[in-house]
Amino acid sequence: MVLADLPGDDIILCQITSQFSKDIYAIEITSSDFIVGSLPIISNIRPTRIFTADKNIIIRRNGTLKATITAKVSKILVDLLK
């Protein structure tokens, strides 16, 4: 999940995985959580797994999540950083 598209070649991302996690902060997403596009199976957004990458490694865009999901991710991130 793209958290921020920074100037230059960097992008801040949050992990999305299809693997089950005991992470209490994980947010389950299904096809119905997308405005456009989808993922092939139920997956989890892991707000505790943030990383920076070069934009050039991004191969494709799978879709756009609904505002309710991005708001949940943002709230968790803000709460964790307080």
PDB file of N, CA and C in Angstrom:
ATOM      1  N   MET A   1       0.856  -1.170   0.000  1.00  0.00           N
ATOM      2  CA  MET A   1       0.000   0.000   0.000  1.00  0.00           C
ATOM      3  C   MET A   1       0.900   1.230   0.000  1.00  0.00           C
ATOM      4  N   VAL A   2       0.611   2.163  -0.900  1.00  0.00           N
ATOM      5  CA  VAL A   2       1.394   3.390  -0.975  1.00  0.00           C
ATOM      6  C   VAL A   2       0.916   4.353   0.108  1.00  0.00           C
ATOM      7  N   LEU A   3       1.833   4.747   0.974  1.00  0.00           N
ATOM      8  CA  LEU A   3       1.526   5.727   2.013  1.00  0.00           C
ATOM      9  C   LEU A   3       1.881   7.134   1.562  1.00  0.00           C
ATOM     10  N   ALA A   4       2.991   7.268   0.826  1.00  0.00           N
ATOM     11  CA  ALA A   4       3.419   8.582   0.352  1.00  0.00           C
ATOM     12  C   ALA A   4       4.287   8.430  -0.888  1.00  0.00           C
ATOM     13  N   ASP A   5       3.978   9.235  -1.887  1.00  0.00           N
ATOM     14  CA  ASP A   5       4.774   9.298  -3.109  1.00  0.00           C
ATOM     15  C   ASP A   5       5.672  10.520  -2.964  1.00  0.00           C
ATOM     16  N   LEU A   6       6.912  10.295  -2.609  1.00  0.00           N
ATOM     17  CA  LEU A   6       7.846  11.370  -2.298  1.00  0.00           C
ATOM     18  C   LEU A   6       8.471  11.972  -3.552  1.00  0.00           C
ATOM     19  N   PRO A   7       8.959  13.212  -3.451  1.00  0.00           N
ATOM     20  CA  PRO A   7       9.683  13.790  -4.588  1.00  0.00           C
ATOM     21  C   PRO A   7      10.913  12.926  -4.894  1.00  0.00           C
ATOM     22  N   GLY A   8      11.291  12.861  -6.130  1.00  0.00           N
ATOM     23  CA  GLY A   8      12.426  12.028  -6.508  1.00  0.00           C
ATOM     24  C   GLY A   8      11.985  10.597  -6.758  1.00  0.00           C
ATOM     25  N   ASP A   9      12.858   9.656  -6.436  1.00  0.00           N
ATOM     26  CA  ASP A   9      12.595   8.253  -6.759  1.00  0.00           C
ATOM     27  C   ASP A   9      12.040   7.415  -5.612  1.00  0.00           C
ATOM     28  N   ASP A  10      11.848   8.024  -4.435  1.00  0.00           N
ATOM     29  CA  ASP A  10      11.411   7.237  -3.282  1.00  0.00           C
ATOM     30  C   ASP A  10       9.901   7.222  -3.106  1.00  0.00           C
ATOM     31  N   ILE A  11       9.423   6.135  -2.510  1.00  0.00           N
ATOM     32  CA  ILE A  11       8.016   5.947  -2.196  1.00  0.00           C
ATOM     33  C   ILE A  11       7.954   5.243  -0.844  1.00  0.00           C
ATOM     34  N   ILE A  12       7.018   5.652   0.012  1.00  0.00           N
ATOM     35  CA  ILE A  12       6.851   4.994   1.309  1.00  0.00           C
ATOM     36  C   ILE A  12       5.682   4.040   1.198  1.00  0.00           C
ATOM     37  N   LEU A  13       5.928   2.795   1.591  1.00  0.00           N
ATOM     38  CA  LEU A  13       4.949   1.724   1.437  1.00  0.00           C
ATOM     39  C   LEU A  13       4.627   1.052   2.765  1.00  0.00           C
ATOM     40  N   CYS A  14       3.477   0.411   2.789  1.00  0.00           N
ATOM     41  CA  CYS A  14       3.048  -0.391   3.926  1.00  0.00           C
ATOM     42  C   CYS A  14       2.779  -1.795   3.370  1.00  0.00           C
ATOM     43  N   GLN A  15       3.252  -2.794   4.067  1.00  0.00           N
ATOM     44  CA  GLN A  15       3.145  -4.176   3.578  1.00  0.00           C
ATOM     45  C   GLN A  15       1.696  -4.644   3.491  1.00  0.00           C
ATOM     46  N   ILE A  16       1.388  -5.321   2.403  1.00  0.00           N
ATOM     47  CA  ILE A  16       0.140  -6.070   2.252  1.00  0.00           C
ATOM     48  C   ILE A  16       0.553  -7.504   1.974  1.00  0.00           C
ATOM     49  N   THR A  17       0.001  -8.432   2.734  1.00  0.00           N
ATOM     50  CA  THR A  17       0.370  -9.831   2.583  1.00  0.00           C
ATOM     51  C   THR A  17      -0.858 -10.726   2.637  1.00  0.00           C
ATOM     52  N   SER A  18      -0.783 -11.834   1.950  1.00  0.00           N
ATOM     53  CA  SER A  18      -1.872 -12.813   2.001  1.00  0.00           C
ATOM     54  C   SER A  18      -1.675 -13.796   3.156  1.00  0.00           C
ATOM     55  N   GLN A  19      -0.539 -13.697   3.815  1.00  0.00           N
ATOM     56  CA  GLN A  19      -0.237 -14.596   4.928  1.00  0.00           C
ATOM     57  C   GLN A  19      -0.969 -14.147   6.191  1.00  0.00           C
ATOM     58  N   PHE A  20      -1.508 -15.105   6.932  1.00  0.00           N
ATOM     59  CA  PHE A  20      -2.166 -14.795   8.197  1.00  0.00           C
ATOM     60  C   PHE A  20      -1.124 -14.286   9.173  1.00  0.00           C
ATOM     61  N   SER A  21      -1.504 -13.320   9.976  1.00  0.00           N
ATOM     62  CA  SER A  21      -0.578 -12.746  10.942  1.00  0.00           C
ATOM     63  C   SER A  21      -1.252 -12.596  12.291  1.00  0.00           C
ATOM     64  N   LYS A  22      -0.504 -12.825  13.349  1.00  0.00           N
ATOM     65  CA  LYS A  22      -1.018 -12.617  14.698  1.00  0.00           C
ATOM     66  C   LYS A  22      -0.888 -11.144  15.106  1.00  0.00           C
ATOM     67  N   ASP A  23      -0.456 -10.307  14.182  1.00  0.00           N
ATOM     68  CA  ASP A  23      -0.288  -8.881  14.402  1.00  0.00           C
ATOM     69  C   ASP A  23      -1.650  -8.258  14.733  1.00  0.00           C
ATOM     70  N   ILE A  24      -1.773  -7.702  15.932  1.00  0.00           N
ATOM     71  CA  ILE A  24      -3.058  -7.120  16.336  1.00  0.00           C
ATOM     72  C   ILE A  24      -3.414  -5.868  15.537  1.00  0.00           C
ATOM     73  N   TYR A  25      -2.447  -5.307  14.838  1.00  0.00           N
ATOM     74  CA  TYR A  25      -2.678  -4.112  14.041  1.00  0.00           C
ATOM     75  C   TYR A  25      -3.039  -4.420  12.586  1.00  0.00           C
ATOM     76  N   ALA A  26      -2.958  -5.665  12.189  1.00  0.00           N
ATOM     77  CA  ALA A  26      -3.258  -6.048  10.804  1.00  0.00           C
ATOM     78  C   ALA A  26      -4.720  -5.745  10.471  1.00  0.00           C
ATOM     79  N   ILE A  27      -4.942  -5.280   9.256  1.00  0.00           N
ATOM     80  CA  ILE A  27      -6.285  -4.961   8.773  1.00  0.00           C
ATOM     81  C   ILE A  27      -6.593  -5.884   7.599  1.00  0.00           C
ATOM     82  N   GLU A  28      -7.580  -6.728   7.764  1.00  0.00           N
ATOM     83  CA  GLU A  28      -7.965  -7.647   6.691  1.00  0.00           C
ATOM     84  C   GLU A  28      -8.665  -6.874   5.575  1.00  0.00           C
ATOM     85  N   ILE A  29      -8.304  -7.203   4.342  1.00  0.00           N
ATOM     86  CA  ILE A  29      -8.961  -6.592   3.186  1.00  0.00           C
ATOM     87  C   ILE A  29      -9.426  -7.677   2.223  1.00  0.00           C
ATOM     88  N   THR A  30     -10.589  -7.414   1.633  1.00  0.00           N
ATOM     89  CA  THR A  30     -11.160  -8.308   0.632  1.00  0.00           C
ATOM     90  C   THR A  30     -11.444  -7.494  -0.624  1.00  0.00           C
ATOM     91  N   SER A  31     -11.927  -8.142  -1.644  1.00  0.00           N
ATOM     92  CA  SER A  31     -12.244  -7.440  -2.900  1.00  0.00           C
ATOM     93  C   SER A  31     -13.240  -6.310  -2.686  1.00  0.00           C
ATOM     94  N   SER A  32     -14.140  -6.456  -1.713  1.00  0.00           N
ATOM     95  CA  SER A  32     -15.157  -5.423  -1.474  1.00  0.00           C
ATOM     96  C   SER A  32     -14.576  -4.156  -0.843  1.00  0.00           C
ATOM     97  N   ASP A  33     -13.315  -4.201  -0.406  1.00  0.00           N
ATOM     98  CA  ASP A  33     -12.666  -3.029   0.184  1.00  0.00           C
ATOM     99  C   ASP A  33     -12.005  -2.132  -0.862  1.00  0.00           C
ATOM    100  N   PHE A  34     -12.133  -2.476  -2.123  1.00  0.00           N
ATOM    101  CA  PHE A  34     -11.530  -1.716  -3.211  1.00  0.00           C
ATOM    102  C   PHE A  34     -12.576  -0.904  -3.970  1.00  0.00           C
ATOM    103  N   ILE A  35     -12.197   0.313  -4.334  1.00  0.00           N
ATOM    104  CA  ILE A  35     -13.030   1.130  -5.224  1.00  0.00           C
ATOM    105  C   ILE A  35     -12.814   0.636  -6.646  1.00  0.00           C
ATOM    106  N   VAL A  36     -11.547   0.404  -6.982  1.00  0.00           N
ATOM    107  CA  VAL A  36     -11.138  -0.080  -8.297  1.00  0.00           C
ATOM    108  C   VAL A  36     -10.142  -1.206  -8.071  1.00  0.00           C
ATOM    109  N   GLY A  37     -10.235  -2.263  -8.864  1.00  0.00           N
ATOM    110  CA  GLY A  37      -9.287  -3.365  -8.766  1.00  0.00           C
ATOM    111  C   GLY A  37      -9.573  -4.276  -7.592  1.00  0.00           C
ATOM    112  N   SER A  38      -8.628  -5.179  -7.314  1.00  0.00           N
ATOM    113  CA  SER A  38      -8.770  -6.128  -6.217  1.00  0.00           C
ATOM    114  C   SER A  38      -7.478  -6.917  -6.061  1.00  0.00           C
ATOM    115  N   LEU A  39      -7.476  -7.794  -5.080  1.00  0.00           N
ATOM    116  CA  LEU A  39      -6.400  -8.762  -4.909  1.00  0.00           C
ATOM    117  C   LEU A  39      -7.014 -10.143  -5.094  1.00  0.00           C
ATOM    118  N   PRO A  40      -6.231 -11.123  -5.525  1.00  0.00           N
ATOM    119  CA  PRO A  40      -6.806 -12.438  -5.820  1.00  0.00           C
ATOM    120  C   PRO A  40      -7.327 -13.181  -4.586  1.00  0.00           C
ATOM    121  N   ILE A  41      -6.806 -12.874  -3.405  1.00  0.00           N
ATOM    122  CA  ILE A  41      -7.269 -13.545  -2.188  1.00  0.00           C
ATOM    123  C   ILE A  41      -7.336 -12.546  -1.031  1.00  0.00           C
ATOM    124  N   ILE A  42      -8.050 -12.933   0.018  1.00  0.00           N
ATOM    125  CA  ILE A  42      -8.121 -12.098   1.212  1.00  0.00           C
ATOM    126  C   ILE A  42      -6.704 -11.852   1.714  1.00  0.00           C
ATOM    127  N   SER A  43      -6.409 -10.594   2.042  1.00  0.00           N
ATOM    128  CA  SER A  43      -5.060 -10.211   2.452  1.00  0.00           C
ATOM    129  C   SER A  43      -5.111  -9.339   3.697  1.00  0.00           C
ATOM    130  N   ASN A  44      -3.940  -8.991   4.202  1.00  0.00           N
ATOM    131  CA  ASN A  44      -3.825  -8.153   5.389  1.00  0.00           C
ATOM    132  C   ASN A  44      -2.876  -6.997   5.142  1.00  0.00           C
ATOM    133  N   ILE A  45      -3.319  -5.792   5.514  1.00  0.00           N
ATOM    134  CA  ILE A  45      -2.431  -4.638   5.524  1.00  0.00           C
ATOM    135  C   ILE A  45      -1.737  -4.659   6.874  1.00  0.00           C
ATOM    136  N   ARG A  46      -0.407  -4.484   6.873  1.00  0.00           N
ATOM    137  CA  ARG A  46       0.375  -4.515   8.112  1.00  0.00           C
ATOM    138  C   ARG A  46       0.961  -3.135   8.393  1.00  0.00           C
ATOM    139  N   PRO A  47       0.226  -2.256   9.087  1.00  0.00           N
ATOM    140  CA  PRO A  47       0.719  -0.902   9.356  1.00  0.00           C
ATOM    141  C   PRO A  47       2.031  -0.858  10.145  1.00  0.00           C
ATOM    142  N   THR A  48       2.369  -1.945  10.811  1.00  0.00           N
ATOM    143  CA  THR A  48       3.638  -1.981  11.552  1.00  0.00           C
ATOM    144  C   THR A  48       4.814  -2.336  10.650  1.00  0.00           C
ATOM    145  N   ARG A  49       4.547  -2.599   9.374  1.00  0.00           N
ATOM    146  CA  ARG A  49       5.591  -2.942   8.396  1.00  0.00           C
ATOM    147  C   ARG A  49       5.669  -1.855   7.338  1.00  0.00           C
ATOM    148  N   ILE A  50       6.398  -0.796   7.641  1.00  0.00           N
ATOM    149  CA  ILE A  50       6.558   0.341   6.732  1.00  0.00           C
ATOM    150  C   ILE A  50       7.973   0.319   6.167  1.00  0.00           C
ATOM    151  N   PHE A  51       8.086   0.639   4.888  1.00  0.00           N
ATOM    152  CA  PHE A  51       9.406   0.663   4.271  1.00  0.00           C
ATOM    153  C   PHE A  51       9.434   1.659   3.117  1.00  0.00           C
ATOM    154  N   THR A  52      10.632   2.050   2.753  1.00  0.00           N
ATOM    155  CA  THR A  52      10.843   2.956   1.627  1.00  0.00           C
ATOM    156  C   THR A  52      11.458   2.148   0.486  1.00  0.00           C
ATOM    157  N   ALA A  53      11.020   2.442  -0.720  1.00  0.00           N
ATOM    158  CA  ALA A  53      11.553   1.742  -1.890  1.00  0.00           C
ATOM    159  C   ALA A  53      11.696   2.726  -3.047  1.00  0.00           C
ATOM    160  N   ASP A  54      12.437   2.319  -4.029  1.00  0.00           N
ATOM    161  CA  ASP A  54      12.584   3.095  -5.257  1.00  0.00           C
ATOM    162  C   ASP A  54      11.327   2.889  -6.102  1.00  0.00           C
ATOM    163  N   LYS A  55      10.755   3.958  -6.607  1.00  0.00           N
ATOM    164  CA  LYS A  55       9.536   3.877  -7.419  1.00  0.00           C
ATOM    165  C   LYS A  55       9.698   2.941  -8.616  1.00  0.00           C
ATOM    166  N   ASN A  56      10.897   2.819  -9.089  1.00  0.00           N
ATOM    167  CA  ASN A  56      11.138   2.016 -10.296  1.00  0.00           C
ATOM    168  C   ASN A  56      10.955   0.524 -10.082  1.00  0.00           C
ATOM    169  N   ILE A  57      10.858   0.059  -8.827  1.00  0.00           N
ATOM    170  CA  ILE A  57      10.636  -1.378  -8.609  1.00  0.00           C
ATOM    171  C   ILE A  57       9.153  -1.748  -8.628  1.00  0.00           C
ATOM    172  N   ILE A  58       8.279  -0.735  -8.653  1.00  0.00           N
ATOM    173  CA  ILE A  58       6.840  -0.988  -8.688  1.00  0.00           C
ATOM    174  C   ILE A  58       6.475  -1.504 -10.081  1.00  0.00           C
ATOM    175  N   ILE A  59       5.885  -2.682 -10.118  1.00  0.00           N
ATOM    176  CA  ILE A  59       5.557  -3.330 -11.388  1.00  0.00           C
ATOM    177  C   ILE A  59       4.161  -2.956 -11.880  1.00  0.00           C
ATOM    178  N   ARG A  60       3.192  -2.964 -10.963  1.00  0.00           N
ATOM    179  CA  ARG A  60       1.817  -2.645 -11.357  1.00  0.00           C
ATOM    180  C   ARG A  60       1.026  -2.149 -10.153  1.00  0.00           C
ATOM    181  N   ARG A  61      -0.122  -1.584 -10.451  1.00  0.00           N
ATOM    182  CA  ARG A  61      -1.054  -1.120  -9.429  1.00  0.00           C
ATOM    183  C   ARG A  61      -2.227  -2.095  -9.416  1.00  0.00           C
ATOM    184  N   ASN A  62      -2.544  -2.638  -8.250  1.00  0.00           N
ATOM    185  CA  ASN A  62      -3.633  -3.608  -8.165  1.00  0.00           C
ATOM    186  C   ASN A  62      -4.993  -2.968  -7.942  1.00  0.00           C
ATOM    187  N   GLY A  63      -5.018  -1.737  -7.459  1.00  0.00           N
ATOM    188  CA  GLY A  63      -6.303  -1.093  -7.246  1.00  0.00           C
ATOM    189  C   GLY A  63      -6.208   0.070  -6.291  1.00  0.00           C
ATOM    190  N   THR A  64      -7.389   0.576  -5.951  1.00  0.00           N
ATOM    191  CA  THR A  64      -7.518   1.697  -5.024  1.00  0.00           C
ATOM    192  C   THR A  64      -8.437   1.269  -3.892  1.00  0.00           C
ATOM    193  N   LEU A  65      -7.949   1.394  -2.668  1.00  0.00           N
ATOM    194  CA  LEU A  65      -8.740   1.017  -1.501  1.00  0.00           C
ATOM    195  C   LEU A  65      -9.741   2.112  -1.149  1.00  0.00           C
ATOM    196  N   LYS A  66     -10.835   1.714  -0.532  1.00  0.00           N
ATOM    197  CA  LYS A  66     -11.840   2.670  -0.069  1.00  0.00           C
ATOM    198  C   LYS A  66     -11.251   3.554   1.024  1.00  0.00           C
ATOM    199  N   ALA A  67     -11.808   4.741   1.161  1.00  0.00           N
ATOM    200  CA  ALA A  67     -11.339   5.716   2.150  1.00  0.00           C
ATOM    201  C   ALA A  67     -11.431   5.172   3.573  1.00  0.00           C
ATOM    202  N   THR A  68     -12.402   4.324   3.848  1.00  0.00           N
ATOM    203  CA  THR A  68     -12.534   3.764   5.201  1.00  0.00           C
ATOM    204  C   THR A  68     -11.323   2.922   5.574  1.00  0.00           C
ATOM    205  N   ILE A  69     -10.775   2.206   4.616  1.00  0.00           N
ATOM    206  CA  ILE A  69      -9.598   1.367   4.876  1.00  0.00           C
ATOM    207  C   ILE A  69      -8.358   2.237   5.048  1.00  0.00           C
ATOM    208  N   THR A  70      -8.162   3.208   4.160  1.00  0.00           N
ATOM    209  CA  THR A  70      -6.981   4.064   4.291  1.00  0.00           C
ATOM    210  C   THR A  70      -7.041   4.872   5.583  1.00  0.00           C
ATOM    211  N   ALA A  71      -8.245   5.250   6.015  1.00  0.00           N
ATOM    212  CA  ALA A  71      -8.399   5.973   7.283  1.00  0.00           C
ATOM    213  C   ALA A  71      -8.010   5.081   8.465  1.00  0.00           C
ATOM    214  N   LYS A  72      -8.364   3.805   8.411  1.00  0.00           N
ATOM    215  CA  LYS A  72      -7.979   2.863   9.475  1.00  0.00           C
ATOM    216  C   LYS A  72      -6.457   2.748   9.559  1.00  0.00           C
ATOM    217  N   VAL A  73      -5.821   2.627   8.405  1.00  0.00           N
ATOM    218  CA  VAL A  73      -4.355   2.519   8.369  1.00  0.00           C
ATOM    219  C   VAL A  73      -3.735   3.790   8.937  1.00  0.00           C
ATOM    220  N   SER A  74      -4.214   4.936   8.512  1.00  0.00           N
ATOM    221  CA  SER A  74      -3.688   6.218   9.004  1.00  0.00           C
ATOM    222  C   SER A  74      -3.854   6.346  10.511  1.00  0.00           C
ATOM    223  N   LYS A  75      -5.014   5.976  11.021  1.00  0.00           N
ATOM    224  CA  LYS A  75      -5.262   6.075  12.459  1.00  0.00           C
ATOM    225  C   LYS A  75      -4.301   5.190  13.246  1.00  0.00           C
ATOM    226  N   ILE A  76      -4.094   3.976  12.779  1.00  0.00           N
ATOM    227  CA  ILE A  76      -3.165   3.069  13.465  1.00  0.00           C
ATOM    228  C   ILE A  76      -1.757   3.645  13.452  1.00  0.00           C
ATOM    229  N   LEU A  77      -1.329   4.159  12.308  1.00  0.00           N
ATOM    230  CA  LEU A  77       0.014   4.737  12.214  1.00  0.00           C
ATOM    231  C   LEU A  77       0.183   5.918  13.168  1.00  0.00           C
ATOM    232  N   VAL A  78      -0.791   6.800  13.210  1.00  0.00           N
ATOM    233  CA  VAL A  78      -0.721   7.957  14.101  1.00  0.00           C
ATOM    234  C   VAL A  78      -0.706   7.498  15.551  1.00  0.00           C
ATOM    235  N   ASP A  79      -1.566   6.560  15.899  1.00  0.00           N
ATOM    236  CA  ASP A  79      -1.607   6.048  17.280  1.00  0.00           C
ATOM    237  C   ASP A  79      -0.281   5.395  17.681  1.00  0.00           C
ATOM    238  N   LEU A  80       0.314   4.660  16.770  1.00  0.00           N
ATOM    239  CA  LEU A  80       1.598   3.998  17.065  1.00  0.00           C
ATOM    240  C   LEU A  80       2.730   4.990  17.272  1.00  0.00           C
ATOM    241  N   LEU A  81       2.666   6.115  16.567  1.00  0.00           N
ATOM    242  CA  LEU A  81       3.744   7.091  16.645  1.00  0.00           C
ATOM    243  C   LEU A  81       3.568   8.118  17.763  1.00  0.00           C
ATOM    244  N   LYS A  82       2.453   8.072  18.445  1.00  0.00           N
ATOM    245  CA  LYS A  82       2.220   9.015  19.564  1.00  0.00           C
ATOM    246  C   LYS A  82       3.093   8.647  20.739  1.00  0.00           C
TER     247      LYS A  82
END
